[in-house]
Amino acid sequence: MPNPKHRHSKQRRNKRRTHDKAVAPAVTKCSNCGATVRMHRVCPECGHYRGKLAIVKEVAV
């Protein structure tokens, strides 16, 4: 298996890694309340996930 003969500079390494940067998270609307929610997560507003109640949200007093 080939191994590098010489060390690559930090600049060269970083230039290669620029394409692996994280993109904005995928966002969708909650099917229950219509709030903006990140995909594959429980709705922070109503506590529903995939049409079912996942967590019970307490009302602020």
N, C-alpha and C. Protein backbone atom coordinates (compact mmCIF):
# COMPACT_ATOMS: atom_id res chain seq x y z
N MET A 1 0.84 -1.18 0.00
CA MET A 1 0.00 0.00 0.00
C MET A 1 0.89 1.25 0.00
N PRO A 2 0.58 2.23 -0.83
CA PRO A 2 1.46 3.40 -0.93
C PRO A 2 1.36 4.30 0.30
N ASN A 3 2.51 4.78 0.72
CA ASN A 3 2.59 5.71 1.83
C ASN A 3 3.21 7.01 1.33
N PRO A 4 2.86 8.15 1.94
CA PRO A 4 3.45 9.41 1.50
C PRO A 4 4.95 9.46 1.80
N LYS A 5 5.72 9.93 0.84
CA LYS A 5 7.16 10.02 1.02
C LYS A 5 7.56 11.32 1.72
N HIS A 6 6.72 12.37 1.56
CA HIS A 6 7.02 13.66 2.15
C HIS A 6 5.78 14.20 2.86
N ARG A 7 6.03 15.03 3.83
CA ARG A 7 4.93 15.61 4.60
C ARG A 7 4.22 16.68 3.77
N HIS A 8 2.88 16.70 3.88
CA HIS A 8 2.08 17.73 3.22
C HIS A 8 1.95 18.91 4.17
N SER A 9 2.01 20.11 3.62
CA SER A 9 1.92 21.30 4.45
C SER A 9 0.50 21.46 5.01
N LYS A 10 0.38 22.29 6.05
CA LYS A 10 -0.94 22.57 6.64
C LYS A 10 -1.85 23.24 5.63
N GLN A 11 -1.28 24.12 4.83
CA GLN A 11 -2.07 24.82 3.82
C GLN A 11 -2.64 23.84 2.79
N ARG A 12 -1.82 22.91 2.36
CA ARG A 12 -2.27 21.92 1.37
C ARG A 12 -3.35 21.02 1.97
N ARG A 13 -3.15 20.62 3.23
CA ARG A 13 -4.15 19.79 3.91
C ARG A 13 -5.47 20.53 4.03
N ASN A 14 -5.41 21.79 4.44
CA ASN A 14 -6.63 22.58 4.63
C ASN A 14 -7.34 22.86 3.32
N LYS A 15 -6.59 23.04 2.25
CA LYS A 15 -7.22 23.24 0.94
C LYS A 15 -8.02 22.01 0.53
N ARG A 16 -7.50 20.83 0.86
CA ARG A 16 -8.20 19.60 0.53
C ARG A 16 -9.47 19.45 1.35
N ARG A 17 -9.43 19.89 2.61
CA ARG A 17 -10.57 19.71 3.51
C ARG A 17 -11.66 20.76 3.35
N THR A 18 -11.48 21.77 2.54
CA THR A 18 -12.49 22.83 2.41
C THR A 18 -13.81 22.30 1.87
N HIS A 19 -13.80 21.20 1.16
CA HIS A 19 -15.03 20.68 0.57
C HIS A 19 -15.83 19.84 1.54
N ASP A 20 -15.29 19.55 2.71
CA ASP A 20 -15.97 18.71 3.69
C ASP A 20 -16.69 19.51 4.76
N LYS A 21 -16.82 20.81 4.55
CA LYS A 21 -17.45 21.66 5.57
C LYS A 21 -18.92 21.30 5.73
N ALA A 22 -19.41 21.47 6.94
CA ALA A 22 -20.81 21.15 7.23
C ALA A 22 -21.73 22.15 6.52
N VAL A 23 -22.86 21.66 6.07
CA VAL A 23 -23.86 22.51 5.43
C VAL A 23 -24.95 22.83 6.44
N ALA A 24 -25.84 23.73 6.09
CA ALA A 24 -26.93 24.10 6.98
C ALA A 24 -27.80 22.88 7.27
N PRO A 25 -28.31 22.74 8.49
CA PRO A 25 -29.11 21.57 8.84
C PRO A 25 -30.43 21.55 8.06
N ALA A 26 -30.87 20.34 7.73
CA ALA A 26 -32.13 20.18 7.01
C ALA A 26 -33.29 20.55 7.93
N VAL A 27 -34.18 21.39 7.44
CA VAL A 27 -35.29 21.90 8.25
C VAL A 27 -36.60 21.56 7.56
N THR A 28 -37.62 21.25 8.35
CA THR A 28 -38.94 20.95 7.83
C THR A 28 -39.97 21.56 8.77
N LYS A 29 -41.25 21.39 8.44
CA LYS A 29 -42.32 21.90 9.30
C LYS A 29 -42.94 20.75 10.08
N CYS A 30 -43.32 21.05 11.31
CA CYS A 30 -43.98 20.06 12.16
C CYS A 30 -45.36 19.75 11.58
N SER A 31 -45.69 18.47 11.52
CA SER A 31 -46.99 18.07 10.97
C SER A 31 -48.13 18.42 11.92
N ASN A 32 -47.82 18.63 13.20
CA ASN A 32 -48.86 18.91 14.18
C ASN A 32 -49.11 20.41 14.34
N CYS A 33 -48.05 21.19 14.58
CA CYS A 33 -48.25 22.61 14.88
C CYS A 33 -47.72 23.54 13.78
N GLY A 34 -46.93 23.03 12.85
CA GLY A 34 -46.42 23.85 11.76
C GLY A 34 -45.16 24.63 12.10
N ALA A 35 -44.57 24.38 13.25
CA ALA A 35 -43.33 25.07 13.64
C ALA A 35 -42.15 24.52 12.84
N THR A 36 -41.10 25.31 12.70
CA THR A 36 -39.90 24.87 12.01
C THR A 36 -39.12 23.93 12.91
N VAL A 37 -38.78 22.74 12.38
CA VAL A 37 -38.12 21.70 13.16
C VAL A 37 -36.99 21.10 12.32
N ARG A 38 -35.86 20.77 12.97
CA ARG A 38 -34.81 20.04 12.28
C ARG A 38 -35.31 18.63 12.02
N MET A 39 -34.91 18.08 10.89
CA MET A 39 -35.40 16.75 10.50
C MET A 39 -34.93 15.69 11.48
N HIS A 40 -35.77 14.67 11.69
CA HIS A 40 -35.52 13.52 12.54
C HIS A 40 -35.36 13.89 14.01
N ARG A 41 -36.06 14.95 14.43
CA ARG A 41 -36.03 15.38 15.82
C ARG A 41 -37.43 15.71 16.30
N VAL A 42 -37.62 15.63 17.60
CA VAL A 42 -38.91 15.96 18.21
C VAL A 42 -39.13 17.46 18.10
N CYS A 43 -40.36 17.87 17.84
CA CYS A 43 -40.70 19.29 17.73
C CYS A 43 -40.52 19.95 19.10
N PRO A 44 -39.73 21.03 19.17
CA PRO A 44 -39.53 21.68 20.46
C PRO A 44 -40.76 22.44 20.95
N GLU A 45 -41.68 22.75 20.05
CA GLU A 45 -42.87 23.51 20.42
C GLU A 45 -43.97 22.62 21.02
N CYS A 46 -44.28 21.52 20.33
CA CYS A 46 -45.42 20.70 20.78
C CYS A 46 -45.02 19.31 21.27
N GLY A 47 -43.81 18.85 20.99
CA GLY A 47 -43.35 17.55 21.47
C GLY A 47 -43.77 16.38 20.60
N HIS A 48 -44.24 16.63 19.38
CA HIS A 48 -44.65 15.55 18.48
C HIS A 48 -43.50 15.13 17.58
N TYR A 49 -43.50 13.85 17.18
CA TYR A 49 -42.54 13.32 16.22
C TYR A 49 -43.25 12.32 15.34
N ARG A 50 -43.23 12.54 14.05
CA ARG A 50 -43.88 11.68 13.05
C ARG A 50 -45.36 11.48 13.36
N GLY A 51 -46.03 12.54 13.78
CA GLY A 51 -47.47 12.49 14.01
C GLY A 51 -47.90 11.94 15.36
N LYS A 52 -46.94 11.57 16.20
CA LYS A 52 -47.28 11.02 17.51
C LYS A 52 -46.65 11.87 18.60
N LEU A 53 -47.29 11.90 19.76
CA LEU A 53 -46.76 12.64 20.90
C LEU A 53 -45.56 11.87 21.46
N ALA A 54 -44.39 12.51 21.42
CA ALA A 54 -43.17 11.86 21.88
C ALA A 54 -42.81 12.27 23.30
N ILE A 55 -42.95 13.55 23.61
CA ILE A 55 -42.68 14.06 24.96
C ILE A 55 -43.80 15.00 25.35
N VAL A 56 -44.09 15.05 26.63
CA VAL A 56 -45.15 15.93 27.12
C VAL A 56 -44.49 17.27 27.49
N LYS A 57 -44.94 18.33 26.84
CA LYS A 57 -44.42 19.67 27.11
C LYS A 57 -45.27 20.31 28.21
N GLU A 58 -44.60 20.87 29.22
CA GLU A 58 -45.32 21.55 30.29
C GLU A 58 -45.55 23.00 29.92
N VAL A 59 -46.70 23.51 30.27
CA VAL A 59 -47.06 24.90 29.97
C VAL A 59 -46.39 25.82 31.00
N ALA A 60 -45.76 26.90 30.52
CA ALA A 60 -45.13 27.85 31.42
C ALA A 60 -46.19 28.64 32.18
N VAL A 61 -45.97 28.81 33.47
CA VAL A 61 -46.96 29.50 34.32
C VAL A 61 -46.60 30.95 34.45
